[in-house]
Amino acid sequence: MCRWLRFRKEHCNRRQYGYTLVELSLVVLILVIMAAAIIPSLMPADIGKLQVAAQEIADAMRFARSEAMRLREPHGFQVSYTNKQVRVFRPDTGAVPWTRVYDIYHPVSKKLYDIRFDEQLFAAADSVSTVTEYRGACNTTASAYFDANGIPRCLDPQTVLLERYDVTLKTGTHELVVSLEPITGQVTIK
């Protein structure tokens, strides 16, 4: 090689050390495989999915309230702990007692506002539970509706005001609570 490149003699006698492209590629490949195995166990993916699920519930509550105030017609939401699901509905005010009609569409996806956490890629919760309290007897505690002023109420009977509505989502050791405040209809995630 030295005679072809016409280098000085001392340069030709030195050994050249280094790695080939194949060797470097193998080392990078091994590091990528190790990182793929280690990083998911270190990242709090469960917390992120739990936060997305809590945000979905909060968004459903806020959307139902805003639609009730915008259209001046009652709109509500239902959280199902058995199906790990949140749905937005409009009450059929012609029926006694009012019944839920699930024909409200999500403003972004344009599909029916029916979100099941088990079917979501980025939202998950191992368990969903609700704590509801009303200022009187309520026959439909799993759901609430907002009147035209945005005040949360019981669906049956419609005159009973909401006192407390908390949805607790758990996954592993992590827990988030979505709270709906009475009178104001403010939604918070704790």
Protein backbone atom coordinates (compact mmCIF):
# COMPACT_ATOMS: atom_id res chain seq x y z
CA MET A 1 0.00 0.00 0.00
CA CYS A 2 2.85 2.35 0.79
CA ARG A 3 4.38 2.05 -2.61
CA TRP A 4 1.12 2.97 -4.29
CA LEU A 5 0.52 6.04 -2.18
CA ARG A 6 4.17 7.11 -2.12
CA PHE A 7 4.15 7.89 1.57
CA ARG A 8 7.25 8.29 3.59
CA LYS A 9 8.75 5.10 4.87
CA GLU A 10 8.02 5.82 8.56
CA HIS A 11 4.34 6.26 7.86
CA CYS A 12 4.17 2.91 6.10
CA ASN A 13 5.73 1.04 8.99
CA ARG A 14 3.14 2.22 11.51
CA ARG A 15 0.22 -0.04 12.25
CA GLN A 16 -3.16 1.47 11.73
CA TYR A 17 -5.74 0.68 14.39
CA GLY A 18 -9.48 1.18 14.04
CA TYR A 19 -12.82 -0.48 13.58
CA THR A 20 -14.60 -1.40 10.43
CA LEU A 21 -18.04 -0.14 9.58
CA VAL A 22 -19.45 -3.61 10.16
CA GLU A 23 -18.00 -3.77 13.67
CA LEU A 24 -19.38 -0.32 14.56
CA SER A 25 -22.78 -1.26 13.15
CA LEU A 26 -22.91 -4.40 15.28
CA VAL A 27 -22.10 -2.47 18.44
CA VAL A 28 -24.79 0.13 17.69
CA LEU A 29 -27.30 -2.65 16.97
CA ILE A 30 -26.54 -4.35 20.28
CA LEU A 31 -26.93 -1.04 22.15
CA VAL A 32 -30.28 -0.37 20.47
CA ILE A 33 -31.58 -3.82 21.40
CA MET A 34 -30.48 -3.36 25.02
CA ALA A 35 -32.07 0.10 25.18
CA ALA A 36 -35.32 -1.23 23.75
CA ALA A 37 -35.42 -3.86 26.49
CA ILE A 38 -34.45 -1.57 29.37
CA ILE A 39 -36.09 1.80 28.66
CA PRO A 40 -39.77 0.73 28.71
CA SER A 41 -39.36 -0.63 32.21
CA LEU A 42 -37.79 2.64 33.35
CA MET A 43 -40.31 4.98 31.72
CA PRO A 44 -43.58 5.72 33.51
CA ALA A 45 -45.76 4.75 30.55
CA ASP A 46 -48.56 3.77 32.91
CA ILE A 47 -48.66 7.29 34.33
CA GLY A 48 -48.87 8.80 30.87
CA LYS A 49 -51.71 6.53 29.82
CA LEU A 50 -53.50 7.20 33.09
CA GLN A 51 -53.17 10.96 32.54
CA VAL A 52 -54.62 10.63 29.04
CA ALA A 53 -57.56 8.62 30.39
CA ALA A 54 -58.21 11.23 33.09
CA GLN A 55 -58.00 13.99 30.48
CA GLU A 56 -60.52 12.14 28.29
CA ILE A 57 -63.02 12.04 31.16
CA ALA A 58 -62.42 15.70 31.99
CA ASP A 59 -62.83 16.65 28.34
CA ALA A 60 -66.12 14.74 28.11
CA MET A 61 -67.46 16.57 31.16
CA ARG A 62 -66.34 19.96 29.81
CA PHE A 63 -67.75 19.22 26.36
CA ALA A 64 -71.15 18.21 27.76
CA ARG A 65 -71.25 21.41 29.80
CA SER A 66 -70.23 23.65 26.92
CA GLU A 67 -72.79 22.03 24.59
CA ALA A 68 -75.55 22.51 27.18
CA MET A 69 -74.70 26.18 27.51
CA ARG A 70 -74.16 26.73 23.77
CA LEU A 71 -77.35 24.99 22.61
CA ARG A 72 -79.37 25.94 25.71
CA GLU A 73 -80.38 22.27 25.97
CA PRO A 74 -79.36 19.73 28.61
CA HIS A 75 -76.35 17.56 27.83
CA GLY A 76 -74.67 15.04 30.09
CA PHE A 77 -72.00 12.42 30.49
CA GLN A 78 -71.84 8.90 31.83
CA VAL A 79 -68.78 7.17 33.26
CA SER A 80 -68.98 3.38 33.32
CA TYR A 81 -66.55 1.68 35.69
CA THR A 82 -67.42 -1.80 34.42
CA ASN A 83 -66.65 -0.93 30.78
CA LYS A 84 -63.97 1.68 31.60
CA GLN A 85 -65.81 4.09 29.36
CA VAL A 86 -67.04 7.69 29.15
CA ARG A 87 -69.96 8.77 26.95
CA VAL A 88 -71.66 12.07 26.23
CA PHE A 89 -75.43 12.13 25.76
CA ARG A 90 -78.42 14.40 25.47
CA PRO A 91 -81.46 13.63 27.58
CA ASP A 92 -84.74 12.86 25.86
CA THR A 93 -86.78 15.45 27.75
CA GLY A 94 -90.03 14.11 26.26
CA ALA A 95 -89.75 10.88 28.22
CA VAL A 96 -90.59 10.54 31.91
CA PRO A 97 -88.12 9.97 33.47
CA TRP A 98 -85.62 11.43 31.03
CA THR A 99 -83.68 8.84 29.08
CA ARG A 100 -80.18 9.13 27.65
CA VAL A 101 -79.77 9.46 23.89
CA TYR A 102 -76.22 8.74 22.75
CA ASP A 103 -76.14 10.67 19.48
CA ILE A 104 -73.52 13.29 20.36
CA TYR A 105 -70.43 13.35 18.17
CA HIS A 106 -66.89 14.03 19.31
CA PRO A 107 -65.77 17.45 18.01
CA VAL A 108 -62.42 16.13 16.72
CA SER A 109 -62.91 12.52 15.64
CA LYS A 110 -66.48 13.16 14.38
CA LYS A 111 -67.45 9.74 15.78
CA LEU A 112 -70.00 9.14 18.52
CA TYR A 113 -68.66 10.46 21.81
CA ASP A 114 -68.05 7.03 23.30
CA ILE A 115 -64.54 6.44 24.59
CA ARG A 116 -63.53 3.02 25.92
CA PHE A 117 -60.12 3.06 27.55
CA ASP A 118 -59.47 -0.60 26.75
CA GLU A 119 -59.71 0.26 23.04
CA GLN A 120 -57.48 3.35 23.21
CA LEU A 121 -53.82 3.21 22.32
CA PHE A 122 -52.67 6.02 24.60
CA ALA A 123 -55.29 5.94 27.37
CA ALA A 124 -55.53 3.21 29.98
CA ALA A 125 -56.71 2.55 33.50
CA ASP A 126 -56.76 -0.71 35.42
CA SER A 127 -59.80 0.41 37.38
CA VAL A 128 -62.34 3.22 37.21
CA SER A 129 -64.61 4.09 40.12
CA THR A 130 -67.01 6.93 40.85
CA VAL A 131 -68.17 8.66 43.99
CA THR A 132 -71.33 10.70 43.51
CA GLU A 133 -73.35 12.73 45.95
CA TYR A 134 -76.45 14.78 45.25
CA ARG A 135 -78.43 17.26 47.32
CA GLY A 136 -81.33 14.84 47.32
CA ALA A 137 -82.24 11.36 46.16
CA CYS A 138 -80.89 10.53 42.70
CA ASN A 139 -81.83 7.37 40.83
CA THR A 140 -79.12 7.65 38.15
CA THR A 141 -75.87 8.25 39.98
CA ALA A 142 -73.59 6.97 37.20
CA SER A 143 -74.41 9.95 35.01
CA ALA A 144 -75.03 13.65 35.38
CA TYR A 145 -76.29 16.34 33.07
CA PHE A 146 -75.78 20.08 32.78
CA ASP A 147 -78.67 22.50 32.44
CA ALA A 148 -78.59 25.52 30.11
CA ASN A 149 -76.64 27.47 32.75
CA GLY A 150 -73.95 24.79 33.03
CA ILE A 151 -75.04 23.60 36.47
CA PRO A 152 -74.60 19.83 37.01
CA ARG A 153 -77.69 17.91 38.07
CA CYS A 154 -79.13 14.42 38.50
CA LEU A 155 -80.86 12.92 35.48
CA ASP A 156 -83.71 11.38 37.52
CA PRO A 157 -85.17 13.48 39.07
CA GLN A 158 -83.92 16.44 37.08
CA THR A 159 -84.27 19.02 39.84
CA VAL A 160 -81.66 17.50 42.18
CA LEU A 161 -78.35 19.35 42.21
CA LEU A 162 -74.99 17.63 42.15
CA GLU A 163 -73.01 17.85 45.39
CA ARG A 164 -69.94 15.79 44.42
CA TYR A 165 -68.80 13.77 41.42
CA ASP A 166 -65.35 12.19 41.55
CA VAL A 167 -63.96 9.65 39.10
CA THR A 168 -60.93 7.74 40.39
CA LEU A 169 -58.66 6.08 37.85
CA LYS A 170 -55.97 3.64 38.98
CA THR A 171 -53.21 1.77 37.27
CA GLY A 172 -50.56 -0.03 39.25
CA THR A 173 -49.66 2.18 42.19
CA HIS A 174 -50.74 5.38 40.46
CA GLU A 175 -54.06 7.13 40.95
CA LEU A 176 -55.75 10.22 39.48
CA VAL A 177 -59.07 11.77 40.45
CA VAL A 178 -61.25 13.80 38.07
CA SER A 179 -63.58 16.03 40.09
CA LEU A 180 -66.66 17.90 38.93
CA GLU A 181 -67.52 20.82 41.19
CA PRO A 182 -71.15 21.53 42.08
CA ILE A 183 -72.83 24.71 40.82
CA THR A 184 -69.80 25.97 38.86
CA GLY A 185 -69.30 22.81 36.78
CA GLN A 186 -65.53 23.26 36.99
CA VAL A 187 -63.53 20.10 36.22
CA THR A 188 -60.16 19.39 37.85
CA ILE A 189 -57.69 16.52 37.71
CA LYS A 190 -55.80 15.75 40.92
